[in-house]
Amino acid sequence: MDTQPYGGCDHTKIPRYQGSEAARQRTEPRFLVLGSVLGSWTRTERLRFTLTAQIYQI
């Protein structure tokens, strides 16, 4: 009686939780990394653009 529900819980709840968590970990950090990379890239590109514009103006 003890091992059966425990085994059932292990087989039903944990893989589903792991699957959703794995999917969440797959999707969320990708978007976070993409957002941060794009944000930092646009920031550096803006800085580079302003610096080159200043250099070419002078």
N, C-alpha and C. Protein backbone atom coordinates (compact mmCIF):
# COMPACT_ATOMS: atom_id res chain seq x y z
N MET A 1 0.84 -1.21 0.00
CA MET A 1 0.00 0.00 0.00
C MET A 1 0.88 1.25 0.00
N ASP A 2 1.95 1.20 0.75
CA ASP A 2 2.80 2.39 0.83
C ASP A 2 3.58 2.62 -0.46
N THR A 3 4.21 1.54 -0.97
CA THR A 3 5.07 1.71 -2.14
C THR A 3 4.25 2.00 -3.38
N GLN A 4 3.04 1.43 -3.48
CA GLN A 4 2.24 1.64 -4.71
C GLN A 4 1.88 3.11 -4.92
N PRO A 5 1.23 3.82 -3.98
CA PRO A 5 0.90 5.24 -4.23
C PRO A 5 2.17 6.08 -4.39
N TYR A 6 3.22 5.71 -3.63
CA TYR A 6 4.46 6.48 -3.75
C TYR A 6 5.03 6.34 -5.15
N GLY A 7 5.04 5.06 -5.65
CA GLY A 7 5.53 4.85 -7.00
C GLY A 7 4.65 5.56 -8.02
N GLY A 8 3.31 5.53 -7.79
CA GLY A 8 2.40 6.21 -8.70
C GLY A 8 2.68 7.70 -8.70
N CYS A 9 2.91 8.25 -7.52
CA CYS A 9 3.21 9.68 -7.44
C CYS A 9 4.51 9.98 -8.19
N ASP A 10 5.51 9.14 -7.98
CA ASP A 10 6.79 9.35 -8.66
C ASP A 10 6.63 9.32 -10.16
N HIS A 11 5.83 8.35 -10.63
CA HIS A 11 5.74 8.18 -12.08
C HIS A 11 4.84 9.21 -12.73
N THR A 12 3.86 9.73 -11.99
CA THR A 12 2.92 10.65 -12.63
C THR A 12 3.34 12.11 -12.41
N LYS A 13 3.68 12.46 -11.18
CA LYS A 13 3.88 13.89 -10.90
C LYS A 13 5.26 14.37 -11.34
N ILE A 14 6.30 13.62 -11.00
CA ILE A 14 7.66 14.14 -11.20
C ILE A 14 8.01 14.30 -12.68
N PRO A 15 7.72 13.32 -13.57
CA PRO A 15 8.07 13.55 -14.98
C PRO A 15 7.31 14.74 -15.57
N ARG A 16 6.02 14.87 -15.19
CA ARG A 16 5.26 16.01 -15.71
C ARG A 16 5.88 17.31 -15.22
N TYR A 17 6.21 17.35 -13.94
CA TYR A 17 6.81 18.56 -13.39
C TYR A 17 8.15 18.83 -14.06
N GLN A 18 8.93 17.76 -14.23
CA GLN A 18 10.23 17.93 -14.87
C GLN A 18 10.06 18.40 -16.32
N GLY A 19 9.05 17.85 -17.00
CA GLY A 19 8.82 18.24 -18.38
C GLY A 19 8.44 19.71 -18.49
N SER A 20 7.49 20.12 -17.63
CA SER A 20 7.08 21.53 -17.69
C SER A 20 8.23 22.43 -17.27
N GLU A 21 8.97 22.00 -16.27
CA GLU A 21 10.10 22.80 -15.81
C GLU A 21 11.19 22.87 -16.88
N ALA A 22 11.41 21.75 -17.56
CA ALA A 22 12.41 21.74 -18.63
C ALA A 22 11.96 22.64 -19.77
N ALA A 23 10.68 22.56 -20.12
CA ALA A 23 10.16 23.43 -21.18
C ALA A 23 10.27 24.89 -20.76
N ARG A 24 9.95 25.15 -19.49
CA ARG A 24 10.04 26.52 -18.99
C ARG A 24 11.50 26.98 -19.03
N GLN A 25 12.41 26.09 -18.62
CA GLN A 25 13.82 26.47 -18.63
C GLN A 25 14.34 26.61 -20.05
N ARG A 26 13.73 25.88 -20.99
CA ARG A 26 14.17 26.02 -22.38
C ARG A 26 13.72 27.34 -22.96
N THR A 27 12.47 27.72 -22.66
CA THR A 27 11.92 28.90 -23.32
C THR A 27 12.33 30.19 -22.63
N GLU A 28 12.19 30.24 -21.30
CA GLU A 28 12.41 31.51 -20.60
C GLU A 28 13.83 32.04 -20.75
N PRO A 29 14.87 31.23 -20.43
CA PRO A 29 16.22 31.80 -20.57
C PRO A 29 16.57 32.19 -21.99
N ARG A 30 16.00 31.48 -22.97
CA ARG A 30 16.28 31.87 -24.36
C ARG A 30 15.80 33.29 -24.61
N PHE A 31 14.56 33.56 -24.20
CA PHE A 31 14.02 34.89 -24.43
C PHE A 31 14.76 35.91 -23.57
N LEU A 32 15.11 35.53 -22.35
CA LEU A 32 15.84 36.46 -21.49
C LEU A 32 17.22 36.75 -22.09
N VAL A 33 17.90 35.71 -22.52
CA VAL A 33 19.23 35.90 -23.11
C VAL A 33 19.13 36.69 -24.41
N LEU A 34 18.12 36.33 -25.23
CA LEU A 34 17.94 37.06 -26.48
C LEU A 34 17.66 38.53 -26.20
N GLY A 35 16.78 38.78 -25.23
CA GLY A 35 16.45 40.16 -24.90
C GLY A 35 17.66 40.92 -24.38
N SER A 36 18.42 40.28 -23.49
CA SER A 36 19.58 40.97 -22.93
C SER A 36 20.65 41.17 -24.00
N VAL A 37 20.85 40.16 -24.84
CA VAL A 37 21.86 40.28 -25.89
C VAL A 37 21.46 41.37 -26.88
N LEU A 38 20.19 41.34 -27.28
CA LEU A 38 19.72 42.36 -28.22
C LEU A 38 19.79 43.74 -27.57
N GLY A 39 19.41 43.82 -26.29
CA GLY A 39 19.45 45.11 -25.61
C GLY A 39 20.88 45.63 -25.51
N SER A 40 21.80 44.75 -25.10
CA SER A 40 23.20 45.19 -24.98
C SER A 40 23.78 45.49 -26.36
N TRP A 41 23.39 44.70 -27.36
CA TRP A 41 23.91 44.92 -28.71
C TRP A 41 23.43 46.26 -29.26
N THR A 42 22.14 46.55 -29.05
CA THR A 42 21.63 47.83 -29.54
C THR A 42 22.27 48.98 -28.76
N ARG A 43 22.51 48.75 -27.47
CA ARG A 43 23.17 49.80 -26.67
C ARG A 43 24.56 50.07 -27.21
N THR A 44 25.32 48.99 -27.44
CA THR A 44 26.69 49.19 -27.93
C THR A 44 26.67 49.76 -29.34
N GLU A 45 25.71 49.31 -30.16
CA GLU A 45 25.62 49.85 -31.52
C GLU A 45 25.26 51.33 -31.48
N ARG A 46 24.36 51.71 -30.58
CA ARG A 46 24.02 53.12 -30.46
C ARG A 46 25.24 53.93 -30.03
N LEU A 47 25.95 53.40 -29.04
CA LEU A 47 27.16 54.10 -28.59
C LEU A 47 28.16 54.20 -29.73
N ARG A 48 28.36 53.09 -30.45
CA ARG A 48 29.29 53.08 -31.56
C ARG A 48 28.85 54.07 -32.64
N PHE A 49 27.55 54.08 -32.91
CA PHE A 49 27.01 54.97 -33.93
C PHE A 49 27.22 56.43 -33.54
N THR A 50 26.92 56.75 -32.27
CA THR A 50 27.10 58.13 -31.82
C THR A 50 28.58 58.50 -31.84
N LEU A 51 29.43 57.57 -31.43
CA LEU A 51 30.87 57.86 -31.43
C LEU A 51 31.36 58.08 -32.86
N THR A 52 30.98 57.21 -33.78
CA THR A 52 31.43 57.37 -35.17
C THR A 52 30.83 58.63 -35.77
N ALA A 53 29.58 58.94 -35.43
CA ALA A 53 28.97 60.16 -35.95
C ALA A 53 29.73 61.38 -35.44
N GLN A 54 30.11 61.36 -34.16
CA GLN A 54 30.89 62.47 -33.61
C GLN A 54 32.24 62.56 -34.29
N ILE A 55 32.86 61.40 -34.50
CA ILE A 55 34.19 61.40 -35.14
C ILE A 55 34.09 61.95 -36.56
N TYR A 56 33.06 61.49 -37.30
CA TYR A 56 32.93 61.94 -38.69
C TYR A 56 32.50 63.39 -38.77
N GLN A 57 31.76 63.87 -37.76
CA GLN A 57 31.38 65.28 -37.76
C GLN A 57 32.61 66.14 -37.55
N ILE A 58 33.51 65.68 -36.70
CA ILE A 58 34.74 66.44 -36.46
C ILE A 58 35.72 66.14 -37.61
